[in-house]
Amino acid sequence: MYPKLLTVIFIAALSSTVVEAISKISVKGSKFFTEDGNQFYIKGIAYQLTPLPPYDPLLDVEQCQRDASVMEDLGANAIRVYHVQADEDHKGCMDAFADKGIYAFVDLDTFDTQIEAKNLHWNETQLSSFTAVLDEFSKYDNLAGVLIGNEVLTKPSDSTAAPYIKAAARDVKAYRKESNLREIPVGYAAADIASLRPMLQNYLACGDKPEESLDYFCLNAYEWCGDSSYQLSGYSQLQKNASDYPIPIFLSETGCNTVPPRDFADQDAIFGDEMSDTWSGAIIYEYIQEENNYGLVSFAAKVDKETQTDAPDGFVRSGTPTPISPDYSNLKSRWATLTPSGIKADEYSPSATPPPCPPPTSGIWDVDGNVVLPSLGQVAKTSGGDDATATGTAAAPSSSKKASASGRSKVAGVIIGLAGVLLCFIWWL
């Protein structure tokens, strides 16, 4: 009898163990929310590509586990990944980050499939590549969002690429719906080009067809450098441009390093009273030290790139991460003090409406309002030069560069445990 009794107790103990699960992220109005209804603020790190093919940092499970532990210590709850291989297995790395309460924003494009302003097209090959990445990463609850592109527009004459970004978002969102995937947010990361703001920002959210608009917008901005301020840095203008924005907006790269060491004082504004009601956080550039000197950790002193084949740029990207002082500790201590409370999803009623589609502005913005988007397979027409026209004719530094901080929810298996006890007790009798 006693062995059976011990079996009952053992099964009950296992069944009632608290199970950690990461809560999926979704968009409501201009904010991100976890499944348990908490507003989600991004404290992210750019987890850059590896310097050799396949350029995917989410394949080495042991390295991901080491990096996830460091990021947890830093206070991060998200990473941004610029390039991945859709046909590889990412479960080990995605689980490693999920175990630490860390989400991933993943770019869908590759070097071969990215939308390029100087060679504008959107075709089936690109869409298939994008959706293959979506299929792979939709398996993981800690996928917070995907990105259509990164800094496609880098000067005013590139504005004609904007409809192609929107066309890609339209087709990826249509695939998401047809494939019965959860509504994984689809966004775009823009270069901080003052002359294009806020035209691009508004264009990607404008119109009366939500299926053709971005689910979120983010900006790579390095405006706050050294001893600056909310007004002096230009962040006040960023806030002004985004004050009535109808979809989530955040900084997808930030952390100016022209005045070392970095103290990350801009985080006080982003997560403070000036911006936290509008902006959903920031992603710090970047995790690993490189020639550009933006790294938060290093793995070794710079090596001879001629003799060390796994470090073609001289920077090792595997091993035990060593925090770079004082930048690492400066960011850690800064984030530790910043915990905006946000709003609960069930108390939030979005009121912002899509902005007007911007009219053309000579020499700055060449898209004429809410133009018909390019169709799949369409190539941009050129007119007397390199600039593409922005009118559709068919029907419907870059990657080289109190909300729940972790979004985790604890689910107690009490009911399962009781059921296990009951079944085992019946068997014992």
Protein backbone atom coordinates (compact mmCIF):
# COMPACT_ATOMS: atom_id res chain seq x y z
CA MET A 1 0.00 0.00 0.00
CA TYR A 2 2.77 2.41 0.90
CA PRO A 3 4.42 2.33 -2.55
CA LYS A 4 1.06 3.22 -4.09
CA LEU A 5 0.58 6.04 -1.59
CA LEU A 6 4.02 7.42 -2.38
CA THR A 7 3.15 7.29 -6.08
CA VAL A 8 0.00 9.33 -5.43
CA ILE A 9 1.96 11.96 -3.49
CA PHE A 10 4.71 12.12 -6.13
CA ILE A 11 2.30 12.57 -9.03
CA ALA A 12 0.34 15.19 -7.12
CA ALA A 13 3.52 17.12 -6.39
CA LEU A 14 4.57 17.08 -10.02
CA SER A 15 1.10 18.07 -11.21
CA SER A 16 0.81 21.04 -8.89
CA THR A 17 4.22 22.49 -9.74
CA VAL A 18 4.04 26.14 -10.83
CA VAL A 19 4.66 26.38 -14.57
CA GLU A 20 6.37 29.43 -16.07
CA ALA A 21 4.98 30.60 -19.42
CA ILE A 22 5.67 33.71 -21.42
CA SER A 23 2.62 35.76 -22.34
CA LYS A 24 2.10 36.52 -26.04
CA ILE A 25 2.21 40.14 -27.20
CA SER A 26 -0.52 41.83 -29.22
CA VAL A 27 -1.45 45.34 -30.37
CA LYS A 28 -4.44 47.33 -29.23
CA GLY A 29 -4.64 50.86 -30.53
CA SER A 30 -1.27 52.54 -30.01
CA LYS A 31 0.02 50.15 -27.36
CA PHE A 32 1.44 46.67 -26.91
CA PHE A 33 -0.18 44.39 -24.35
CA THR A 34 0.58 40.99 -22.88
CA GLU A 35 -2.12 38.34 -22.73
CA ASP A 36 -2.71 39.10 -19.08
CA GLY A 37 -3.64 42.67 -19.97
CA ASN A 38 -0.50 44.54 -18.92
CA GLN A 39 0.90 47.22 -21.16
CA PHE A 40 4.25 46.11 -22.53
CA TYR A 41 7.19 48.53 -22.63
CA ILE A 42 10.23 47.45 -24.62
CA LYS A 43 13.63 47.44 -22.95
CA GLY A 44 15.50 45.90 -25.81
CA ILE A 45 18.98 45.11 -27.12
CA ALA A 46 20.04 44.87 -30.77
CA TYR A 47 21.29 41.29 -31.05
CA GLN A 48 23.19 41.71 -34.29
CA LEU A 49 24.02 39.27 -37.01
CA THR A 50 27.08 37.08 -37.09
CA PRO A 51 29.74 38.20 -39.60
CA LEU A 52 29.69 34.96 -41.59
CA PRO A 53 26.85 33.08 -43.34
CA PRO A 54 24.18 32.26 -42.33
CA TYR A 55 24.31 35.59 -40.36
CA ASP A 56 21.85 34.17 -37.83
CA PRO A 57 22.55 34.66 -34.09
CA LEU A 58 19.70 32.36 -33.03
CA LEU A 59 21.29 29.01 -33.91
CA ASP A 60 23.94 28.44 -31.22
CA VAL A 61 21.81 27.34 -28.26
CA GLU A 62 24.57 27.38 -25.64
CA GLN A 63 25.59 30.88 -26.70
CA CYS A 64 21.97 32.06 -26.60
CA GLN A 65 21.64 30.69 -23.08
CA ARG A 66 24.72 32.63 -21.96
CA ASP A 67 23.56 35.81 -23.69
CA ALA A 68 20.01 35.52 -22.36
CA SER A 69 21.33 35.32 -18.79
CA VAL A 70 23.41 38.46 -19.33
CA MET A 71 20.45 40.31 -20.83
CA GLU A 72 18.26 39.29 -17.92
CA ASP A 73 20.87 40.75 -15.57
CA LEU A 74 20.92 43.93 -17.65
CA GLY A 75 17.14 44.28 -17.33
CA ALA A 76 16.28 43.66 -20.98
CA ASN A 77 12.97 42.13 -21.99
CA ALA A 78 13.44 42.09 -25.77
CA ILE A 79 16.00 41.61 -28.53
CA ARG A 80 15.97 42.72 -32.13
CA VAL A 81 17.39 40.27 -34.67
CA TYR A 82 18.23 41.56 -38.15
CA HIS A 83 18.78 38.39 -40.20
CA VAL A 84 17.69 34.79 -39.70
CA GLN A 85 17.55 31.63 -41.78
CA ALA A 86 13.99 30.36 -42.09
CA ASP A 87 15.00 26.77 -42.79
CA GLU A 88 17.00 26.41 -39.56
CA ASP A 89 15.73 25.31 -36.14
CA HIS A 90 15.45 28.23 -33.70
CA LYS A 91 13.64 26.48 -30.86
CA GLY A 92 16.64 26.18 -28.56
CA CYS A 93 17.53 29.87 -28.75
CA MET A 94 13.97 31.16 -28.66
CA ASP A 95 13.29 28.98 -25.62
CA ALA A 96 16.48 30.23 -23.96
CA PHE A 97 15.30 33.82 -24.28
CA ALA A 98 11.70 32.96 -23.33
CA ASP A 99 12.98 31.32 -20.14
CA LYS A 100 14.43 34.70 -19.17
CA GLY A 101 11.29 36.62 -20.09
CA ILE A 102 12.82 38.04 -23.28
CA TYR A 103 10.89 38.62 -26.51
CA ALA A 104 12.20 38.89 -30.07
CA PHE A 105 11.49 41.37 -32.84
CA VAL A 106 12.67 39.66 -36.03
CA ASP A 107 13.38 41.22 -39.43
CA LEU A 108 11.80 39.21 -42.24
CA ASP A 109 14.20 40.17 -45.02
CA THR A 110 17.65 38.90 -45.96
CA PHE A 111 20.45 40.47 -47.98
CA ASP A 112 18.93 38.84 -51.07
CA THR A 113 15.28 39.70 -50.46
CA GLN A 114 15.32 43.14 -48.84
CA ILE A 115 13.34 45.99 -50.41
CA GLU A 116 15.82 48.44 -51.92
CA ALA A 117 15.03 52.02 -52.85
CA LYS A 118 17.36 51.97 -55.86
CA ASN A 119 16.01 48.71 -57.25
CA LEU A 120 12.33 48.86 -56.35
CA HIS A 121 10.30 45.72 -56.74
CA TRP A 122 8.09 43.46 -54.68
CA ASN A 123 7.72 39.92 -55.96
CA GLU A 124 6.75 36.35 -55.12
CA THR A 125 10.32 35.38 -54.23
CA GLN A 126 10.50 38.11 -51.62
CA LEU A 127 7.08 37.30 -50.21
CA SER A 128 7.87 33.57 -49.98
CA SER A 129 11.08 34.34 -48.13
CA PHE A 130 9.31 36.72 -45.74
CA THR A 131 6.50 34.27 -44.99
CA ALA A 132 8.95 31.41 -44.47
CA VAL A 133 10.51 33.42 -41.64
CA LEU A 134 7.04 34.20 -40.30
CA ASP A 135 6.11 30.50 -40.37
CA GLU A 136 9.27 29.53 -38.50
CA PHE A 137 9.02 32.13 -35.76
CA SER A 138 5.24 32.09 -35.32
CA LYS A 139 5.78 28.86 -33.37
CA TYR A 140 7.26 30.80 -30.48
CA ASP A 141 5.15 32.73 -27.99
CA ASN A 142 7.99 35.18 -27.39
CA LEU A 143 7.90 36.47 -30.95
CA ALA A 144 6.76 40.03 -30.24
CA GLY A 145 6.74 41.28 -33.82
CA VAL A 146 8.30 41.11 -37.26
CA LEU A 147 9.76 43.85 -39.43
CA ILE A 148 9.22 44.36 -43.16
CA GLY A 149 12.49 46.23 -43.54
CA ASN A 150 15.19 48.37 -41.99
CA GLU A 151 16.09 51.84 -43.24
CA VAL A 152 14.87 51.33 -46.81
CA LEU A 153 14.48 55.09 -47.14
CA THR A 154 17.67 57.00 -46.32
CA LYS A 155 17.10 60.27 -48.22
CA PRO A 156 14.11 62.23 -49.59
CA SER A 157 14.51 60.85 -53.12
CA ASP A 158 13.87 57.37 -51.68
CA SER A 159 10.30 58.27 -50.69
CA THR A 160 8.89 56.35 -53.65
CA ALA A 161 9.87 53.14 -51.84
CA ALA A 162 7.23 53.77 -49.17
CA PRO A 163 4.35 52.17 -51.14
CA TYR A 164 6.48 49.04 -51.59
CA ILE A 165 6.97 48.77 -47.84
CA LYS A 166 3.23 49.07 -47.40
CA ALA A 167 2.57 46.50 -50.15
CA ALA A 168 4.87 44.04 -48.40
CA ALA A 169 3.05 44.60 -45.10
CA ARG A 170 -0.29 44.10 -46.86
CA ASP A 171 0.76 40.74 -48.33
CA VAL A 172 2.44 39.47 -45.16
CA LYS A 173 -0.65 40.36 -43.13
CA ALA A 174 -2.87 38.65 -45.71
CA TYR A 175 -0.73 35.51 -45.45
CA ARG A 176 -0.89 35.72 -41.67
CA LYS A 177 -4.69 35.73 -41.85
CA GLU A 178 -4.99 33.03 -44.52
CA SER A 179 -2.64 30.77 -42.56
CA ASN A 180 -4.65 31.21 -39.32
CA LEU A 181 -1.60 32.50 -37.48
CA ARG A 182 -2.02 34.68 -34.43
CA GLU A 183 -1.95 38.39 -35.21
CA ILE A 184 1.81 38.80 -34.86
CA PRO A 185 2.45 42.55 -35.21
CA VAL A 186 4.02 43.61 -38.51
CA GLY A 187 6.17 46.76 -38.46
CA TYR A 188 8.97 48.73 -40.10
CA ALA A 189 12.18 50.31 -38.75
CA ALA A 190 12.90 53.72 -40.29
CA ALA A 191 16.08 55.72 -40.54
CA ASP A 192 15.85 58.98 -38.63
CA ILE A 193 15.77 61.37 -41.60
CA ALA A 194 14.41 64.69 -40.34
CA SER A 195 13.20 65.81 -43.77
CA LEU A 196 11.09 62.67 -44.13
CA ARG A 197 9.45 63.01 -40.74
CA PRO A 198 6.59 62.82 -40.15
CA MET A 199 5.55 62.00 -43.74
CA LEU A 200 6.81 58.41 -43.76
CA GLN A 201 5.59 57.78 -40.23
CA ASN A 202 2.09 58.99 -41.11
CA TYR A 203 2.00 57.35 -44.54
CA LEU A 204 2.64 53.87 -43.13
CA ALA A 205 -0.37 54.25 -40.79
CA CYS A 206 -2.73 56.24 -43.02
CA GLY A 207 -5.76 55.16 -45.04
CA ASP A 208 -9.06 53.48 -44.32
CA LYS A 209 -7.82 49.91 -44.89
CA PRO A 210 -6.10 48.56 -41.77
CA GLU A 211 -5.07 45.48 -43.73
CA GLU A 212 -2.75 47.73 -45.77
CA SER A 213 -1.21 49.64 -42.87
CA LEU A 214 1.59 48.76 -40.50
CA ASP A 215 0.72 47.34 -37.07
CA TYR A 216 3.55 49.36 -35.49
CA PHE A 217 6.28 51.81 -36.51
CA CYS A 218 9.77 52.23 -35.08
CA LEU A 219 12.66 54.59 -35.58
CA ASN A 220 16.44 54.21 -35.49
CA ALA A 221 17.35 57.47 -33.75
CA TYR A 222 20.65 58.65 -32.30
CA GLU A 223 19.69 62.23 -31.48
CA TRP A 224 20.37 62.32 -27.73
CA CYS A 225 24.16 62.54 -27.35
CA GLY A 226 26.06 63.24 -24.14
CA ASP A 227 24.79 65.95 -21.80
CA SER A 228 21.61 66.68 -23.71
CA SER A 229 17.95 67.09 -22.77
CA TYR A 230 14.43 66.34 -23.92
CA GLN A 231 14.25 69.69 -25.72
CA LEU A 232 17.82 70.00 -26.95
CA SER A 233 18.06 66.46 -28.32
CA GLY A 234 15.02 66.73 -30.54
CA TYR A 235 13.06 64.13 -28.58
CA SER A 236 10.41 66.76 -27.92
CA GLN A 237 9.84 66.95 -31.69
CA LEU A 238 9.67 63.15 -31.94
CA GLN A 239 6.98 63.23 -29.25
CA LYS A 240 5.10 66.03 -31.00
CA ASN A 241 5.06 64.06 -34.26
CA ALA A 242 3.78 60.93 -32.49
CA SER A 243 1.33 62.40 -29.99
CA ASP A 244 -1.80 61.24 -31.85
CA TYR A 245 -0.29 58.25 -33.63
CA PRO A 246 -2.80 55.38 -33.88
CA ILE A 247 -0.36 52.44 -33.73
CA PRO A 248 2.52 51.62 -31.35
CA ILE A 249 5.76 53.49 -31.90
CA PHE A 250 9.18 52.92 -30.32
CA LEU A 251 12.88 53.44 -30.93
CA SER A 252 14.25 50.38 -32.73
CA GLU A 253 17.85 51.59 -32.38
CA THR A 254 19.19 54.23 -30.01
CA GLY A 255 22.21 54.93 -27.83
CA CYS A 256 24.42 57.67 -29.31
CA ASN A 257 28.12 57.09 -28.53
CA THR A 258 29.75 60.29 -29.80
CA VAL A 259 30.25 61.48 -26.22
CA PRO A 260 31.54 58.49 -24.23
CA PRO A 261 30.80 56.94 -21.89
CA ARG A 262 27.15 56.46 -22.65
CA ASP A 263 24.89 57.27 -19.69
CA PHE A 264 21.61 56.47 -21.50
CA ALA A 265 19.88 59.51 -19.99
CA ASP A 266 17.41 59.49 -22.88
CA GLN A 267 15.77 56.43 -21.29
CA ASP A 268 14.44 58.71 -18.54
CA ALA A 269 12.46 60.63 -21.15
CA ILE A 270 11.29 57.58 -23.09
CA PHE A 271 9.99 55.77 -20.00
CA GLY A 272 9.08 58.94 -18.11
CA ASP A 273 6.20 61.39 -18.13
CA GLU A 274 7.27 63.12 -21.36
CA MET A 275 6.95 60.12 -23.67
CA SER A 276 5.73 56.93 -21.99
CA ASP A 277 2.08 57.56 -22.75
CA THR A 278 2.94 57.58 -26.48
CA TRP A 279 6.16 55.61 -26.95
CA SER A 280 6.46 51.90 -26.18
CA GLY A 281 10.12 51.83 -25.24
CA ALA A 282 13.48 51.50 -26.93
CA ILE A 283 16.05 49.04 -28.25
CA ILE A 284 19.66 49.87 -27.43
CA TYR A 285 22.27 49.44 -30.13
CA GLU A 286 24.02 47.02 -29.66
CA TYR A 287 24.94 43.84 -27.80
CA ILE A 288 28.40 42.82 -29.09
CA GLN A 289 31.35 45.17 -29.35
CA GLU A 290 32.43 45.90 -32.93
CA GLU A 291 34.57 48.49 -34.72
CA ASN A 292 31.80 51.08 -34.29
CA ASN A 293 32.21 50.92 -30.48
CA TYR A 294 28.51 50.50 -29.62
CA GLY A 295 28.85 47.17 -27.83
CA LEU A 296 27.63 46.43 -24.31
CA VAL A 297 29.62 43.20 -24.01
CA SER A 298 32.74 41.72 -25.55
CA PHE A 299 34.02 38.16 -25.76
CA ALA A 300 37.74 38.82 -26.12
CA ALA A 301 40.23 41.48 -27.08
CA LYS A 302 40.28 42.32 -30.76
CA VAL A 303 42.07 39.60 -32.72
CA ASP A 304 43.99 39.49 -35.97
CA LYS A 305 41.27 39.09 -38.58
CA GLU A 306 43.77 37.68 -41.05
CA THR A 307 44.53 34.67 -38.89
CA GLN A 308 41.27 34.07 -36.98
CA THR A 309 38.84 32.87 -39.61
CA ASP A 310 35.76 32.98 -37.36
CA ALA A 311 36.27 36.69 -36.72
CA PRO A 312 36.71 38.30 -40.17
CA ASP A 313 36.28 41.77 -38.70
CA GLY A 314 38.55 41.07 -35.72
CA PHE A 315 35.74 40.74 -33.14
CA VAL A 316 34.94 37.39 -31.52
CA ARG A 317 31.21 36.72 -31.10
CA SER A 318 31.06 33.63 -28.94
CA GLY A 319 32.13 32.53 -25.51
CA THR A 320 31.54 34.15 -22.14
CA PRO A 321 30.13 37.69 -22.45
CA THR A 322 32.09 40.28 -20.50
CA PRO A 323 30.24 43.56 -19.73
CA ILE A 324 31.91 46.69 -21.08
CA SER A 325 32.36 49.27 -18.37
CA PRO A 326 30.82 51.67 -17.65
CA ASP A 327 28.22 51.48 -20.44
CA TYR A 328 26.77 48.15 -19.30
CA SER A 329 26.37 49.19 -15.66
CA ASN A 330 25.09 52.64 -16.70
CA LEU A 331 22.28 51.08 -18.71
CA LYS A 332 21.51 48.46 -16.06
CA SER A 333 21.19 51.03 -13.29
CA ARG A 334 19.18 53.37 -15.50
CA TRP A 335 16.64 50.72 -16.54
CA ALA A 336 16.29 49.49 -12.95
CA THR A 337 14.73 52.82 -11.98
CA LEU A 338 12.30 53.00 -14.91
CA THR A 339 9.04 51.08 -14.54
CA PRO A 340 6.15 52.99 -16.15
CA SER A 341 2.81 51.67 -14.98
CA GLY A 342 1.00 52.07 -18.27
CA ILE A 343 -2.64 51.10 -18.54
CA LYS A 344 -4.55 47.84 -18.40
CA ALA A 345 -5.91 46.58 -21.71
CA ASP A 346 -9.48 46.36 -20.41
CA GLU A 347 -9.31 49.98 -19.25
CA TYR A 348 -7.95 51.28 -22.55
CA SER A 349 -10.26 52.55 -25.31
CA PRO A 350 -8.20 53.69 -28.32
CA SER A 351 -9.37 57.02 -29.70
CA ALA A 352 -6.68 57.98 -32.22
CA THR A 353 -7.65 57.66 -35.88
CA PRO A 354 -5.38 57.10 -38.90
CA PRO A 355 -3.55 60.28 -39.92
CA PRO A 356 -4.20 61.84 -43.34
CA CYS A 357 -2.00 60.42 -46.08
CA PRO A 358 0.61 63.12 -46.71
CA PRO A 359 0.45 65.01 -50.01
CA PRO A 360 3.61 65.37 -52.12
CA THR A 361 6.19 67.96 -51.09
CA SER A 362 8.64 69.00 -53.76
CA GLY A 363 12.12 67.60 -53.19
CA ILE A 364 11.09 65.82 -49.99
CA TRP A 365 8.09 63.53 -50.42
CA ASP A 366 7.05 62.21 -53.85
CA VAL A 367 4.14 59.98 -52.86
CA ASP A 368 0.81 61.50 -53.83
CA GLY A 369 -1.45 60.74 -50.89
CA ASN A 370 -3.14 57.37 -50.57
CA VAL A 371 -1.87 55.90 -53.84
CA VAL A 372 -2.84 52.43 -55.00
CA LEU A 373 -0.21 50.07 -53.66
CA PRO A 374 2.05 48.05 -55.96
CA SER A 375 0.81 44.59 -56.78
CA LEU A 376 2.82 41.45 -56.14
CA GLY A 377 5.35 41.23 -58.97
CA GLN A 378 5.34 44.94 -59.75
CA VAL A 379 8.58 46.74 -60.57
CA ALA A 380 8.79 50.49 -60.10
CA LYS A 381 8.76 52.62 -63.22
CA THR A 382 11.55 55.11 -63.64
CA SER A 383 11.21 58.48 -65.26
CA GLY A 384 14.31 60.15 -66.63
CA GLY A 385 16.71 58.94 -63.97
CA ASP A 386 17.04 56.74 -60.95
CA ASP A 387 13.93 57.94 -59.15
CA ALA A 388 10.94 55.62 -59.29
CA THR A 389 7.40 56.84 -59.65
CA ALA A 390 5.22 56.54 -56.60
CA THR A 391 1.96 55.79 -58.33
CA GLY A 392 0.76 52.21 -58.27
CA THR A 393 -0.90 50.90 -61.43
CA ALA A 394 -2.33 47.61 -60.29
CA ALA A 395 -5.38 46.75 -58.29
CA ALA A 396 -5.38 46.00 -54.98
CA PRO A 397 23.06 52.93 -38.78
CA SER A 398 21.62 49.85 -40.29
CA SER A 399 21.98 46.22 -39.28
CA SER A 400 25.63 46.46 -40.09
CA LYS A 401 24.97 48.67 -37.52
CA LYS A 402 4.35 49.63 -13.82
CA ALA A 403 3.97 47.35 -16.82
CA SER A 404 5.25 43.83 -16.67
CA ALA A 405 8.94 44.13 -17.39
CA SER A 406 9.21 40.56 -18.60
CA GLY A 407 5.66 39.88 -19.68
CA ARG A 408 5.78 36.55 -17.89
CA SER A 409 2.76 34.99 -16.29
CA LYS A 410 2.73 32.21 -13.71
CA VAL A 411 0.09 29.56 -14.13
CA ALA A 412 -0.39 27.29 -11.16
CA GLY A 413 -1.40 23.74 -12.01
CA VAL A 414 -3.59 23.27 -8.96
CA ILE A 415 -6.56 21.86 -10.88
CA ILE A 416 -4.29 19.46 -12.77
CA GLY A 417 -2.75 18.41 -9.47
CA LEU A 418 -6.10 17.69 -7.85
CA ALA A 419 -7.19 15.72 -10.89
CA GLY A 420 -3.97 13.69 -10.67
CA VAL A 421 -4.58 12.97 -6.99
CA LEU A 422 -8.15 11.85 -7.65
CA LEU A 423 -7.22 9.52 -10.52
CA CYS A 424 -4.37 7.98 -8.59
CA PHE A 425 -6.50 7.54 -5.47
CA ILE A 426 -9.13 5.67 -7.48
CA TRP A 427 -6.40 3.45 -8.95
CA TRP A 428 -4.96 2.82 -5.46
CA LEU A 429 -8.36 1.75 -4.12
